[in-house]
Protein backbone atom coordinates (compact mmCIF):
# COMPACT_ATOMS: atom_id res chain seq x y z
CA UNK A 1 -0.35 -0.27 0.11
CA UNK A 2 2.77 2.04 0.57
CA UNK A 3 3.61 2.00 -2.67
CA UNK A 4 0.11 3.24 -3.57
CA UNK A 5 0.48 6.23 -1.27
CA UNK A 6 3.24 7.29 -3.26
CA UNK A 7 2.25 7.02 -6.24
CA UNK A 8 -0.85 8.70 -5.84
CA UNK A 9 1.20 11.73 -3.86
CA UNK A 10 3.37 11.94 -6.84
CA UNK A 11 0.13 12.59 -9.02
CA UNK A 12 -1.08 15.29 -6.85
CA UNK A 13 3.00 16.87 -6.67
CA UNK A 14 2.24 17.36 -9.97
CA UNK A 15 -0.74 17.07 -11.87
CA UNK A 16 -3.34 17.73 -8.75
CA UNK A 17 -5.24 21.27 -6.68
CA UNK A 18 -5.17 21.05 -2.82
CA UNK A 19 -8.26 23.90 -2.53
CA UNK A 20 -11.52 24.11 -0.29
CA UNK A 21 -15.03 25.09 -2.39
CA UNK A 22 -18.42 25.67 -2.11
CA UNK A 23 -20.39 22.19 -1.69
CA UNK A 24 -23.51 24.15 -2.89
CA UNK A 25 -24.80 27.83 -3.37
CA UNK A 26 -25.91 27.86 0.33
CA UNK A 27 -22.88 26.40 1.91
CA UNK A 28 -20.99 28.98 4.49
CA UNK A 29 -18.06 27.93 4.78
CA UNK A 30 -15.76 26.14 2.03
CA UNK A 31 -14.87 22.16 1.94
CA UNK A 32 -11.82 20.59 1.28
CA UNK A 33 -11.19 19.24 -2.37
CA UNK A 34 -8.33 17.32 -3.89
CA UNK A 35 -8.11 17.70 -7.85
CA UNK A 36 -6.45 15.82 -10.23
CA UNK A 37 -6.31 17.14 -14.26
CA UNK A 38 -5.35 14.95 -17.16
CA UNK A 39 -5.13 13.55 -20.77
CA UNK A 40 -4.68 10.67 -19.23
CA UNK A 41 -7.96 8.31 -18.42
CA UNK A 42 -5.80 5.33 -16.43
CA UNK A 43 -4.28 7.74 -14.76
CA UNK A 44 -7.71 9.39 -12.72
CA UNK A 45 -9.30 5.78 -12.86
CA UNK A 46 -5.73 4.92 -10.81
CA UNK A 47 -7.22 6.99 -8.90
CA UNK A 48 -10.61 6.43 -8.00
CA UNK A 49 -10.14 3.08 -8.30
CA UNK A 50 -7.66 2.77 -4.93
CA UNK A 51 -9.96 6.11 -3.40
CA UNK A 52 -12.83 7.09 -4.66
CA UNK A 53 -14.01 10.46 -5.50
CA UNK A 54 -15.32 10.89 -9.16
CA UNK A 55 -13.99 11.39 -12.78
CA UNK A 56 -15.49 14.02 -15.57
CA UNK A 57 -15.20 15.21 -18.54
CA UNK A 58 -13.31 18.83 -19.02
CA UNK A 59 -14.41 20.81 -21.78
CA UNK A 60 -12.55 21.07 -25.03
CA UNK A 61 -11.72 25.12 -25.75
CA UNK A 62 -10.05 24.50 -29.11
CA UNK A 63 -11.05 21.12 -31.95
CA UNK A 64 -6.91 20.11 -31.57
CA UNK A 65 -6.71 20.02 -28.20
CA UNK A 66 -6.52 16.49 -26.23
CA UNK A 67 -10.36 14.95 -24.46
CA UNK A 68 -8.96 16.32 -20.83
CA UNK A 69 -10.50 15.21 -17.57
CA UNK A 70 -10.42 15.88 -13.45
CA UNK A 71 -11.32 13.42 -11.01
CA UNK A 72 -11.52 14.53 -7.32
CA UNK A 73 -12.08 13.25 -4.20
CA UNK A 74 -14.15 15.66 -1.52
CA UNK A 75 -14.77 16.08 2.30
CA UNK A 76 -14.01 13.99 4.75
CA UNK A 77 -12.82 11.38 1.95
CA UNK A 78 -10.46 14.16 1.05
CA UNK A 79 -9.18 14.34 4.17
CA UNK A 80 -8.31 11.17 4.45
CA UNK A 81 -6.88 11.00 0.68
CA UNK A 82 -4.85 13.57 2.55
CA UNK A 83 -4.04 12.02 6.01
CA UNK A 84 -2.82 8.78 4.50
CA UNK A 85 -0.92 10.27 0.98
CA UNK A 86 0.87 13.33 3.66
CA UNK A 87 4.04 11.37 4.12
CA UNK A 88 4.94 11.21 0.39
CA UNK A 89 3.99 15.16 -0.50
CA UNK A 90 6.99 16.96 -2.06
CA UNK A 91 5.64 20.18 -3.34
CA UNK A 92 6.46 23.27 -0.57
CA UNK A 93 2.31 24.69 -1.45
CA UNK A 94 0.83 21.82 -1.43
CA UNK A 95 2.51 20.52 1.54
CA UNK A 96 1.66 23.81 3.54
CA UNK A 97 -2.47 23.10 2.08
CA UNK A 98 -2.56 19.84 3.38
CA UNK A 99 -1.05 20.55 6.66
CA UNK A 100 -3.26 23.25 7.67
CA UNK A 101 -6.44 21.30 6.48
CA UNK A 102 -5.42 18.47 8.40
CA UNK A 103 -4.38 20.52 11.58
CA UNK A 104 -6.58 23.41 11.46
CA UNK A 105 -9.39 22.48 10.11
CA UNK A 106 -10.16 19.25 10.81
CA UNK A 107 -10.42 19.80 15.03
CA UNK A 108 -12.54 22.92 14.38
CA UNK A 109 -14.95 21.62 12.08
CA UNK A 110 -18.77 20.58 13.91
CA UNK A 111 -20.33 17.65 13.12
CA UNK A 112 -23.57 19.28 13.89
CA UNK A 113 -22.82 22.32 11.35
CA UNK A 114 -23.73 24.41 14.27
CA UNK A 115 -21.00 27.83 14.72
CA UNK A 116 -20.92 30.89 17.63
CA UNK A 117 -20.03 33.52 15.80
CA UNK A 118 -16.49 33.77 17.34
CA UNK A 119 -16.56 30.23 16.11
CA UNK A 120 -17.37 31.68 12.59
CA UNK A 121 -14.61 34.34 11.92
CA UNK A 122 -12.20 32.10 13.06
CA UNK A 123 -13.74 29.38 9.88
CA UNK A 124 -13.52 32.55 7.83
CA UNK A 125 -9.99 33.41 9.31
CA UNK A 126 -8.59 30.08 8.32
CA UNK A 127 -10.24 30.53 4.96
CA UNK A 128 -8.06 33.43 4.16
CA UNK A 129 -4.50 31.85 5.70
CA UNK A 130 -5.39 28.73 3.49
CA UNK A 131 -4.96 31.22 0.43
CA UNK A 132 -2.81 32.99 1.42
CA UNK A 133 -4.59 36.53 1.73
């Protein structure tokens, strides 16, 4: 399994993104998302088969562009995925964002979704920190 995790971390380091995104228009806070875009469906199939998530086609902007796809994994599944691949990540910004998600955001998330005004401000401040703003 270590080889699988190391390979997945290499894919994320090279082709992936570690982000916060709104899951829907009604969400108050952004959630963890890991995504990888590629023209190689086999690469994304590997990620989906081993870690779950979903694969979607991406639009072509020019006729001569190759077909492109995106794999992503969200919320708790993204946090679990990042926890597993973290020892193998090397790219500085992805390590920083992963560490913030695992060590700062994870403890502040409320299961019931109810936050005090102070907790709400801390979540929003975290999102600014995460983006580097």
